[in-house]
Amino acid sequence: MAKTVGDSGRGRSQAVHRALKRAILDQALSPGAKLPEDSIGERLGVSRTLVREALVRLSEEGLVDLRPNKGATVARPTLEEGRNLFLTRAALERLVVETLAGKLTPDQIETLSAHIQAEDAAKKEHATSIRLAGEFHTLLAQMTNNASLIRYVNELVARSSLILALYGRPHSSDCAVSEHQELLDSLIAGKAEVASKLMTHHLDSITTRALLPREDDRNIKDVLSAYAAAEGLA
């Protein structure tokens, strides 16, 4: 069936959303960075209307702050908000692993194992390592087939990237990869209690890291170049 104009517009709007979200999760766009609609639209080759739609969606996901007459910026959560976020995230992710323990299919195990290998390969790339680490957690949530869990874990994991960009100290990616492997091993073995404790320890270790914010004066058009190409935008 041929795509309608509306379908094409929605597709481009989704592509803009994905490009901006990926740039934020990769920390190419730092917390507090301005997101001017005209510059973004020019770089991505889309109208300001499509940019605005994407920014509204990102705002609903907690990744962008929209303020009347002041435009949009990448969200800049406080340290206290970060602590509360990780408390909530830990509770939800314990439920995720308790749901999955002993129930992973061979295909799911293969998918998770491949993802851990990708994390290991990217462990020297800080921003990529953080994004892949987060995606491991969203993969687990998706495998529960629980729509509420999937939605809230996805949002909390995405917002966690902002917390780490602002307050996260450099850490050993080896630890994160090994902890994910231990989690997977416990899930395969059906050890729900062990998996729950491992998840709690894993997220606690992230919560305890803190660092002062970093300044970033890069041009948004330069930052978005690679993301535009990846989404097939101008």
Protein backbone atom coordinates (compact mmCIF):
# COMPACT_ATOMS: atom_id res chain seq x y z
CA MET A 1 0.00 0.00 0.00
CA ALA A 2 1.36 3.44 -0.94
CA LYS A 3 2.24 5.82 1.86
CA THR A 4 0.04 8.90 2.25
CA VAL A 5 1.35 12.39 2.88
CA GLY A 6 0.30 11.98 6.50
CA ASP A 7 2.27 8.74 6.80
CA SER A 8 5.34 10.46 5.34
CA GLY A 9 5.01 13.36 7.78
CA ARG A 10 4.67 11.01 10.74
CA GLY A 11 7.69 9.05 9.56
CA ARG A 12 9.84 12.18 9.38
CA SER A 13 8.56 13.37 12.75
CA GLN A 14 9.56 10.02 14.26
CA ALA A 15 12.96 10.24 12.56
CA VAL A 16 13.52 13.71 14.06
CA HIS A 17 12.50 12.36 17.48
CA ARG A 18 14.90 9.43 17.16
CA ALA A 19 17.78 11.62 15.99
CA LEU A 20 17.38 14.09 18.86
CA LYS A 21 16.84 11.36 21.43
CA ARG A 22 19.93 9.48 20.29
CA ALA A 23 21.99 12.68 20.44
CA ILE A 24 20.81 13.27 24.01
CA LEU A 25 21.39 9.67 25.12
CA ASP A 26 24.85 9.69 23.52
CA GLN A 27 25.54 12.89 25.49
CA ALA A 28 26.33 14.69 22.24
CA LEU A 29 23.73 17.19 23.46
CA SER A 30 24.46 17.97 27.09
CA PRO A 31 21.93 18.67 29.86
CA GLY A 32 20.92 22.32 29.67
CA ALA A 33 21.86 22.67 25.97
CA LYS A 34 19.52 24.91 23.98
CA LEU A 35 17.42 23.27 21.26
CA PRO A 36 16.42 26.01 18.78
CA GLU A 37 13.72 24.83 16.42
CA ASP A 38 15.07 26.76 13.44
CA SER A 39 18.62 25.41 13.73
CA ILE A 40 17.42 21.84 14.27
CA GLY A 41 14.97 22.07 11.37
CA GLU A 42 17.65 23.48 9.07
CA ARG A 43 20.17 20.78 10.02
CA LEU A 44 17.67 17.91 9.71
CA GLY A 45 15.91 19.31 6.64
CA VAL A 46 12.44 19.43 8.19
CA SER A 47 9.92 22.07 9.18
CA ARG A 48 9.81 23.72 12.58
CA THR A 49 6.42 22.04 13.06
CA LEU A 50 7.99 18.57 12.89
CA VAL A 51 10.81 19.69 15.20
CA ARG A 52 8.26 21.02 17.68
CA GLU A 53 6.33 17.73 17.62
CA ALA A 54 9.54 15.84 18.40
CA LEU A 55 10.45 18.24 21.21
CA VAL A 56 7.00 17.88 22.78
CA ARG A 57 7.36 14.10 22.71
CA LEU A 58 10.83 14.31 24.25
CA SER A 59 9.42 16.62 26.92
CA GLU A 60 6.78 13.99 27.76
CA GLU A 61 9.62 11.47 28.13
CA GLY A 62 11.44 13.77 30.55
CA LEU A 63 14.40 14.43 28.24
CA VAL A 64 13.57 18.02 27.23
CA ASP A 65 12.35 21.06 29.16
CA LEU A 66 9.87 23.29 27.32
CA ARG A 67 9.35 26.78 28.77
CA PRO A 68 7.01 29.43 27.34
CA ASN A 69 8.90 32.21 25.53
CA LYS A 70 12.24 30.58 26.40
CA GLY A 71 12.32 27.67 23.97
CA ALA A 72 13.49 24.14 24.57
CA THR A 73 16.57 22.81 26.34
CA VAL A 74 17.87 19.37 27.16
CA ALA A 75 16.50 18.56 30.62
CA ARG A 76 18.80 19.27 33.54
CA PRO A 77 17.52 17.26 36.52
CA THR A 78 18.77 18.02 40.01
CA LEU A 79 20.87 15.58 42.01
CA GLU A 80 17.92 14.99 44.35
CA GLU A 81 15.69 14.18 41.38
CA GLY A 82 18.39 11.77 40.25
CA ARG A 83 18.41 9.94 43.58
CA ASN A 84 14.62 9.63 43.54
CA LEU A 85 14.70 8.42 39.95
CA PHE A 86 17.13 5.62 40.73
CA LEU A 87 15.09 4.55 43.77
CA THR A 88 12.02 4.20 41.55
CA ARG A 89 14.01 2.56 38.79
CA ALA A 90 15.49 -0.02 41.18
CA ALA A 91 12.03 -1.03 42.38
CA LEU A 92 10.73 -1.47 38.84
CA GLU A 93 13.79 -3.32 37.60
CA ARG A 94 13.64 -5.77 40.48
CA LEU A 95 10.16 -6.60 39.24
CA VAL A 96 11.56 -7.02 35.72
CA VAL A 97 14.16 -9.61 36.74
CA GLU A 98 11.74 -11.42 39.06
CA THR A 99 9.36 -11.71 36.10
CA LEU A 100 12.04 -13.02 33.73
CA ALA A 101 13.93 -15.43 36.00
CA GLY A 102 13.87 -18.91 34.50
CA LYS A 103 11.60 -17.80 31.64
CA LEU A 104 13.99 -16.43 29.00
CA THR A 105 13.69 -18.12 25.60
CA PRO A 106 16.78 -19.25 23.65
CA ASP A 107 16.27 -16.32 21.24
CA GLN A 108 16.07 -13.83 24.13
CA ILE A 109 19.22 -15.27 25.70
CA GLU A 110 21.01 -14.96 22.36
CA THR A 111 19.85 -11.33 21.99
CA LEU A 112 21.02 -10.39 25.48
CA SER A 113 24.34 -12.19 25.05
CA ALA A 114 25.00 -10.36 21.78
CA HIS A 115 24.18 -7.06 23.44
CA ILE A 116 26.63 -7.73 26.26
CA GLN A 117 29.30 -8.49 23.65
CA ALA A 118 28.54 -5.13 22.00
CA GLU A 119 28.91 -3.43 25.39
CA ASP A 120 32.27 -5.11 25.87
CA ALA A 121 33.46 -3.94 22.45
CA ALA A 122 32.44 -0.33 23.22
CA LYS A 123 33.71 -0.13 26.80
CA LYS A 124 36.40 2.43 25.93
CA GLU A 125 33.82 4.84 24.47
CA HIS A 126 32.23 6.52 27.50
CA ALA A 127 28.99 7.89 25.99
CA THR A 128 28.37 4.82 23.81
CA SER A 129 29.06 2.58 26.78
CA ILE A 130 26.45 4.40 28.87
CA ARG A 131 23.86 4.22 26.07
CA LEU A 132 24.41 0.49 25.49
CA ALA A 133 24.29 -0.18 29.22
CA GLY A 134 20.91 1.53 29.35
CA GLU A 135 19.66 -0.40 26.34
CA PHE A 136 20.46 -3.67 28.14
CA HIS A 137 17.94 -2.67 30.81
CA THR A 138 15.27 -1.64 28.29
CA LEU A 139 15.77 -4.95 26.47
CA LEU A 140 15.05 -6.81 29.71
CA ALA A 141 11.90 -4.74 30.26
CA GLN A 142 10.66 -5.42 26.71
CA MET A 143 11.03 -9.16 27.30
CA THR A 144 8.47 -9.05 30.14
CA ASN A 145 5.71 -8.15 27.64
CA ASN A 146 4.31 -5.92 30.39
CA ALA A 147 3.34 -2.65 28.68
CA SER A 148 3.45 -0.59 31.88
CA LEU A 149 6.87 -1.90 32.88
CA ILE A 150 8.22 -1.33 29.39
CA ARG A 151 6.99 2.26 29.27
CA TYR A 152 8.21 3.33 32.68
CA VAL A 153 11.56 1.53 32.54
CA ASN A 154 12.23 3.03 29.11
CA GLU A 155 11.52 6.54 30.38
CA LEU A 156 13.55 6.10 33.57
CA VAL A 157 16.53 4.58 31.75
CA ALA A 158 16.53 7.43 29.23
CA ARG A 159 16.37 10.07 31.94
CA SER A 160 19.13 8.25 33.82
CA SER A 161 21.48 9.13 30.97
CA LEU A 162 21.00 12.80 31.85
CA ILE A 163 21.79 12.10 35.49
CA LEU A 164 24.98 10.29 34.46
CA ALA A 165 25.95 13.08 32.07
CA LEU A 166 25.62 15.64 34.87
CA TYR A 167 26.75 13.75 37.93
CA GLY A 168 28.31 10.47 36.80
CA ARG A 169 31.97 9.89 37.64
CA PRO A 170 34.07 7.91 35.17
CA HIS A 171 33.83 4.23 36.07
CA SER A 172 35.08 0.92 34.87
CA SER A 173 33.00 -0.31 31.94
CA ASP A 174 34.43 -3.75 32.69
CA CYS A 175 32.37 -3.74 35.89
CA ALA A 176 29.15 -2.83 34.11
CA VAL A 177 29.63 -5.54 31.48
CA SER A 178 30.51 -8.20 34.05
CA GLU A 179 27.49 -7.23 36.19
CA HIS A 180 25.19 -7.55 33.19
CA GLN A 181 26.64 -10.99 32.47
CA GLU A 182 26.07 -12.03 36.09
CA LEU A 183 22.47 -10.81 35.83
CA LEU A 184 21.93 -12.81 32.67
CA ASP A 185 23.47 -15.92 34.20
CA SER A 186 21.17 -15.69 37.23
CA LEU A 187 18.10 -15.20 35.00
CA ILE A 188 19.01 -18.23 32.88
CA ALA A 189 19.46 -20.26 36.08
CA GLY A 190 16.05 -19.12 37.35
CA LYS A 191 17.54 -17.53 40.48
CA ALA A 192 15.05 -14.69 40.97
CA GLU A 193 16.27 -13.65 44.41
CA VAL A 194 19.90 -13.56 43.28
CA ALA A 195 18.95 -11.55 40.18
CA SER A 196 16.99 -9.09 42.29
CA LYS A 197 19.93 -8.53 44.62
CA LEU A 198 22.33 -8.17 41.70
CA MET A 199 20.06 -5.57 40.09
CA THR A 200 19.81 -3.61 43.34
CA HIS A 201 23.59 -3.63 43.80
CA HIS A 202 24.14 -2.70 40.15
CA LEU A 203 21.87 0.36 40.31
CA ASP A 204 23.11 1.36 43.77
CA SER A 205 26.65 1.52 42.41
CA ILE A 206 25.50 3.93 39.71
CA THR A 207 23.61 6.10 42.19
CA THR A 208 26.64 6.62 44.42
CA ARG A 209 28.79 8.16 41.67
CA ALA A 210 28.81 12.00 41.41
CA LEU A 211 30.71 14.69 39.53
CA LEU A 212 30.27 18.41 38.80
CA PRO A 213 28.50 19.33 35.53
CA ARG A 214 30.57 19.76 32.39
CA GLU A 215 30.37 22.80 30.12
CA ASP A 216 29.63 22.34 26.42
CA ASP A 217 29.74 25.07 23.77
CA ARG A 218 29.47 22.95 20.60
CA ASN A 219 27.21 24.11 17.74
CA ILE A 220 23.96 22.13 17.58
CA LYS A 221 24.15 21.82 13.77
CA ASP A 222 27.56 20.17 14.02
CA VAL A 223 26.35 17.83 16.76
CA LEU A 224 23.31 16.69 14.79
CA SER A 225 25.12 16.01 11.49
CA ALA A 226 25.77 12.31 12.14
CA TYR A 227 22.28 11.75 13.58
CA ALA A 228 20.68 13.37 10.53
CA ALA A 229 22.55 10.99 8.24
CA ALA A 230 21.62 7.97 10.36
CA GLU A 231 17.91 8.80 10.10
CA GLY A 232 18.00 9.63 6.39
CA LEU A 233 17.33 13.32 7.02
CA ALA A 234 18.99 16.19 5.14
